[in-house]
Every structure is written in structure tokens, then in C-alpha cells.
PDB file of N, CA and C in Angstrom:
ATOM      1  N   MET A   1      21.728 -12.406 -24.789  1.00  0.00           N
ATOM      2  CA  MET A   1      22.922 -11.868 -24.670  1.00  0.00           C
ATOM      3  C   MET A   1      22.181 -10.657 -23.928  1.00  0.00           C
ATOM      4  N   MET A   2      21.304  -9.383 -24.698  1.00  0.00           N
ATOM      5  CA  MET A   2      20.497  -8.761 -24.119  1.00  0.00           C
ATOM      6  C   MET A   2      19.406  -9.365 -23.138  1.00  0.00           C
ATOM      7  N   GLY A   3      19.130 -10.346 -23.105  1.00  0.00           N
ATOM      8  CA  GLY A   3      18.287 -10.819 -21.548  1.00  0.00           C
ATOM      9  C   GLY A   3      18.909 -10.967 -20.802  1.00  0.00           C
ATOM     10  N   LYS A   4      20.189 -11.603 -20.591  1.00  0.00           N
ATOM     11  CA  LYS A   4      21.037 -11.141 -20.104  1.00  0.00           C
ATOM     12  C   LYS A   4      20.442 -10.085 -18.603  1.00  0.00           C
ATOM     13  N   ILE A   5      20.751  -9.037 -19.861  1.00  0.00           N
ATOM     14  CA  ILE A   5      21.212  -7.783 -19.458  1.00  0.00           C
ATOM     15  C   ILE A   5      20.177  -7.275 -18.711  1.00  0.00           C
ATOM     16  N   LEU A   6      19.339  -7.209 -19.155  1.00  0.00           N
ATOM     17  CA  LEU A   6      17.813  -6.567 -19.246  1.00  0.00           C
ATOM     18  C   LEU A   6      17.000  -7.406 -17.793  1.00  0.00           C
ATOM     19  N   ALA A   7      16.927  -8.721 -17.618  1.00  0.00           N
ATOM     20  CA  ALA A   7      16.137  -9.289 -16.801  1.00  0.00           C
ATOM     21  C   ALA A   7      17.127  -8.526 -15.197  1.00  0.00           C
ATOM     22  N   PRO A   8      18.027  -8.807 -15.140  1.00  0.00           N
ATOM     23  CA  PRO A   8      18.371  -8.241 -13.230  1.00  0.00           C
ATOM     24  C   PRO A   8      17.733  -6.869 -13.275  1.00  0.00           C
ATOM     25  N   LEU A   9      18.054  -6.025 -14.834  1.00  0.00           N
ATOM     26  CA  LEU A   9      17.751  -4.366 -14.438  1.00  0.00           C
ATOM     27  C   LEU A   9      15.918  -4.276 -14.910  1.00  0.00           C
ATOM     28  N   LYS A  10      15.235  -5.587 -15.222  1.00  0.00           N
ATOM     29  CA  LYS A  10      13.599  -5.374 -14.977  1.00  0.00           C
ATOM     30  C   LYS A  10      13.594  -6.016 -13.566  1.00  0.00           C
ATOM     31  N   GLU A  11      14.315  -6.940 -12.772  1.00  0.00           N
ATOM     32  CA  GLU A  11      13.432  -6.909 -11.355  1.00  0.00           C
ATOM     33  C   GLU A  11      13.993  -5.919 -10.741  1.00  0.00           C
ATOM     34  N   GLY A  12      15.299  -4.699 -10.238  1.00  0.00           N
ATOM     35  CA  GLY A  12      15.370  -3.946  -9.973  1.00  0.00           C
ATOM     36  C   GLY A  12      14.166  -3.250 -10.021  1.00  0.00           C
ATOM     37  N   ALA A  13      14.199  -2.880 -11.250  1.00  0.00           N
ATOM     38  CA  ALA A  13      12.804  -1.444 -11.848  1.00  0.00           C
ATOM     39  C   ALA A  13      11.707  -2.374 -10.661  1.00  0.00           C
ATOM     40  N   LEU A  14      11.363  -3.805 -10.323  1.00  0.00           N
ATOM     41  CA  LEU A  14      10.175  -3.754  -9.846  1.00  0.00           C
ATOM     42  C   LEU A  14      10.293  -3.973  -8.775  1.00  0.00           C
ATOM     43  N   ALA A  15      11.246  -3.957  -7.651  1.00  0.00           N
ATOM     44  CA  ALA A  15      11.393  -3.474  -6.433  1.00  0.00           C
ATOM     45  C   ALA A  15      11.352  -2.370  -6.222  1.00  0.00           C
ATOM     46  N   LYS A  16      12.009  -1.395  -6.999  1.00  0.00           N
ATOM     47  CA  LYS A  16      12.375  -0.325  -6.378  1.00  0.00           C
ATOM     48  C   LYS A  16      10.569   0.322  -6.506  1.00  0.00           C
ATOM     49  N   LEU A  17       9.547   0.195  -7.605  1.00  0.00           N
ATOM     50  CA  LEU A  17       8.402   0.356  -7.634  1.00  0.00           C
ATOM     51  C   LEU A  17       7.589  -0.148  -6.439  1.00  0.00           C
ATOM     52  N   SER A  18       7.402  -1.137  -6.174  1.00  0.00           N
ATOM     53  CA  SER A  18       6.701  -2.511  -4.953  1.00  0.00           C
ATOM     54  C   SER A  18       7.243  -1.294  -3.851  1.00  0.00           C
ATOM     55  N   CYS A  19       8.596  -0.627  -3.665  1.00  0.00           N
ATOM     56  CA  CYS A  19       9.000  -0.143  -2.606  1.00  0.00           C
ATOM     57  C   CYS A  19       8.540   1.030  -2.470  1.00  0.00           C
ATOM     58  N   ARG A  20       7.656   1.575  -3.260  1.00  0.00           N
ATOM     59  CA  ARG A  20       7.557   2.505  -3.728  1.00  0.00           C
ATOM     60  C   ARG A  20       5.695   2.720  -3.311  1.00  0.00           C
ATOM     61  N   LEU A  21       4.983   1.658  -3.502  1.00  0.00           N
ATOM     62  CA  LEU A  21       4.089   1.747  -3.279  1.00  0.00           C
ATOM     63  C   LEU A  21       3.951   0.758  -1.854  1.00  0.00           C
ATOM     64  N   PHE A  22       4.733   0.204  -1.205  1.00  0.00           N
ATOM     65  CA  PHE A  22       4.256  -0.387   0.202  1.00  0.00           C
ATOM     66  C   PHE A  22       4.794   1.020   0.960  1.00  0.00           C
ATOM     67  N   ALA A  23       5.993   1.636   0.316  1.00  0.00           N
ATOM     68  CA  ALA A  23       5.969   3.251   1.269  1.00  0.00           C
ATOM     69  C   ALA A  23       4.342   3.804   1.555  1.00  0.00           C
ATOM     70  N   GLN A  24       4.204   4.184   0.293  1.00  0.00           N
ATOM     71  CA  GLN A  24       2.962   4.780  -0.545  1.00  0.00           C
ATOM     72  C   GLN A  24       1.837   4.455   0.650  1.00  0.00           C
ATOM     73  N   LEU A  25       1.551   2.897   1.131  1.00  0.00           N
ATOM     74  CA  LEU A  25       0.429   1.872   1.946  1.00  0.00           C
ATOM     75  C   LEU A  25       0.708   2.282   3.160  1.00  0.00           C
ATOM     76  N   LEU A  26       2.150   2.048   3.489  1.00  0.00           N
ATOM     77  CA  LEU A  26       2.764   2.548   5.512  1.00  0.00           C
ATOM     78  C   LEU A  26       1.884   4.009   5.395  1.00  0.00           C
ATOM     79  N   ARG A  27       2.446   4.692   5.239  1.00  0.00           N
ATOM     80  CA  ARG A  27       2.152   5.933   5.215  1.00  0.00           C
ATOM     81  C   ARG A  27       0.596   6.471   5.393  1.00  0.00           C
ATOM     82  N   SER A  28       0.193   6.457   3.954  1.00  0.00           N
ATOM     83  CA  SER A  28      -1.378   6.233   4.755  1.00  0.00           C
ATOM     84  C   SER A  28      -2.243   5.632   5.425  1.00  0.00           C
ATOM     85  N   TYR A  29      -1.056   4.691   6.851  1.00  0.00           N
ATOM     86  CA  TYR A  29      -1.890   4.543   7.847  1.00  0.00           C
ATOM     87  C   TYR A  29      -1.467   5.313   8.652  1.00  0.00           C
ATOM     88  N   PRO A  30      -2.262   5.575   9.546  1.00  0.00           N
ATOM     89  CA  PRO A  30      -2.494   6.792  10.641  1.00  0.00           C
ATOM     90  C   PRO A  30      -0.876   6.741  11.636  1.00  0.00           C
ATOM     91  N   GLU A  31      -1.523   5.237  11.848  1.00  0.00           N
ATOM     92  CA  GLU A  31      -1.451   4.280  12.989  1.00  0.00           C
ATOM     93  C   GLU A  31      -0.586   3.474  12.897  1.00  0.00           C
ATOM     94  N   PRO A  32       1.000   2.937  13.506  1.00  0.00           N
ATOM     95  CA  PRO A  32       1.878   2.662  13.113  1.00  0.00           C
ATOM     96  C   PRO A  32       0.746   0.651  13.371  1.00  0.00           C
ATOM     97  N   LEU A  33       1.536  -0.214  11.515  1.00  0.00           N
ATOM     98  CA  LEU A  33       1.492  -1.385  12.741  1.00  0.00           C
ATOM     99  C   LEU A  33       2.139  -2.397  12.734  1.00  0.00           C
ATOM    100  N   PRO A  34       1.379  -3.270  14.299  1.00  0.00           N
ATOM    101  CA  PRO A  34       1.930  -3.899  15.401  1.00  0.00           C
ATOM    102  C   PRO A  34       2.961  -4.560  14.476  1.00  0.00           C
ATOM    103  N   SER A  35       4.533  -5.231  14.931  1.00  0.00           N
ATOM    104  CA  SER A  35       5.143  -5.846  14.298  1.00  0.00           C
ATOM    105  C   SER A  35       4.950  -7.122  13.852  1.00  0.00           C
ATOM    106  N   GLN A  36       3.812  -8.052  15.031  1.00  0.00           N
ATOM    107  CA  GLN A  36       2.933  -8.685  14.052  1.00  0.00           C
ATOM    108  C   GLN A  36       2.434  -9.000  13.185  1.00  0.00           C
ATOM    109  N   ALA A  37       2.334  -8.577  12.326  1.00  0.00           N
ATOM    110  CA  ALA A  37       2.011  -8.455  10.693  1.00  0.00           C
ATOM    111  C   ALA A  37       3.036  -7.923   9.983  1.00  0.00           C
ATOM    112  N   ALA A  38       4.302  -7.606  10.658  1.00  0.00           N
ATOM    113  CA  ALA A  38       5.121  -7.678   9.836  1.00  0.00           C
ATOM    114  C   ALA A  38       6.028  -9.312   8.995  1.00  0.00           C
ATOM    115  N   GLU A  39       5.830  -9.522   9.866  1.00  0.00           N
ATOM    116  CA  GLU A  39       5.961 -11.213   9.933  1.00  0.00           C
ATOM    117  C   GLU A  39       5.455 -11.983   8.979  1.00  0.00           C
TER     118      GLU A  39
END
């Protein structure tokens, strides 16, 4: 039972963490990346 509840929480935490890291990464670039790189 606990696994079913904790799994989504873990995924959400990982998503938040990766989003934060990605935002920091983008911020460290002085110039905007070309849209092709995002695809």
C-alpha cells in the first residue's frame, strides 16, 4: 500500500528537482538557446 502512495510523490519530487536544475542550467547561459536545441 505504501509503495503505491510513495511512488507518485517520489516522481513529483524528481520532476521538481530536475526542473530546478534545468532552470539553473538555462540561467547560466547568457544568450538564449536556438529553438532547434529544445526539440
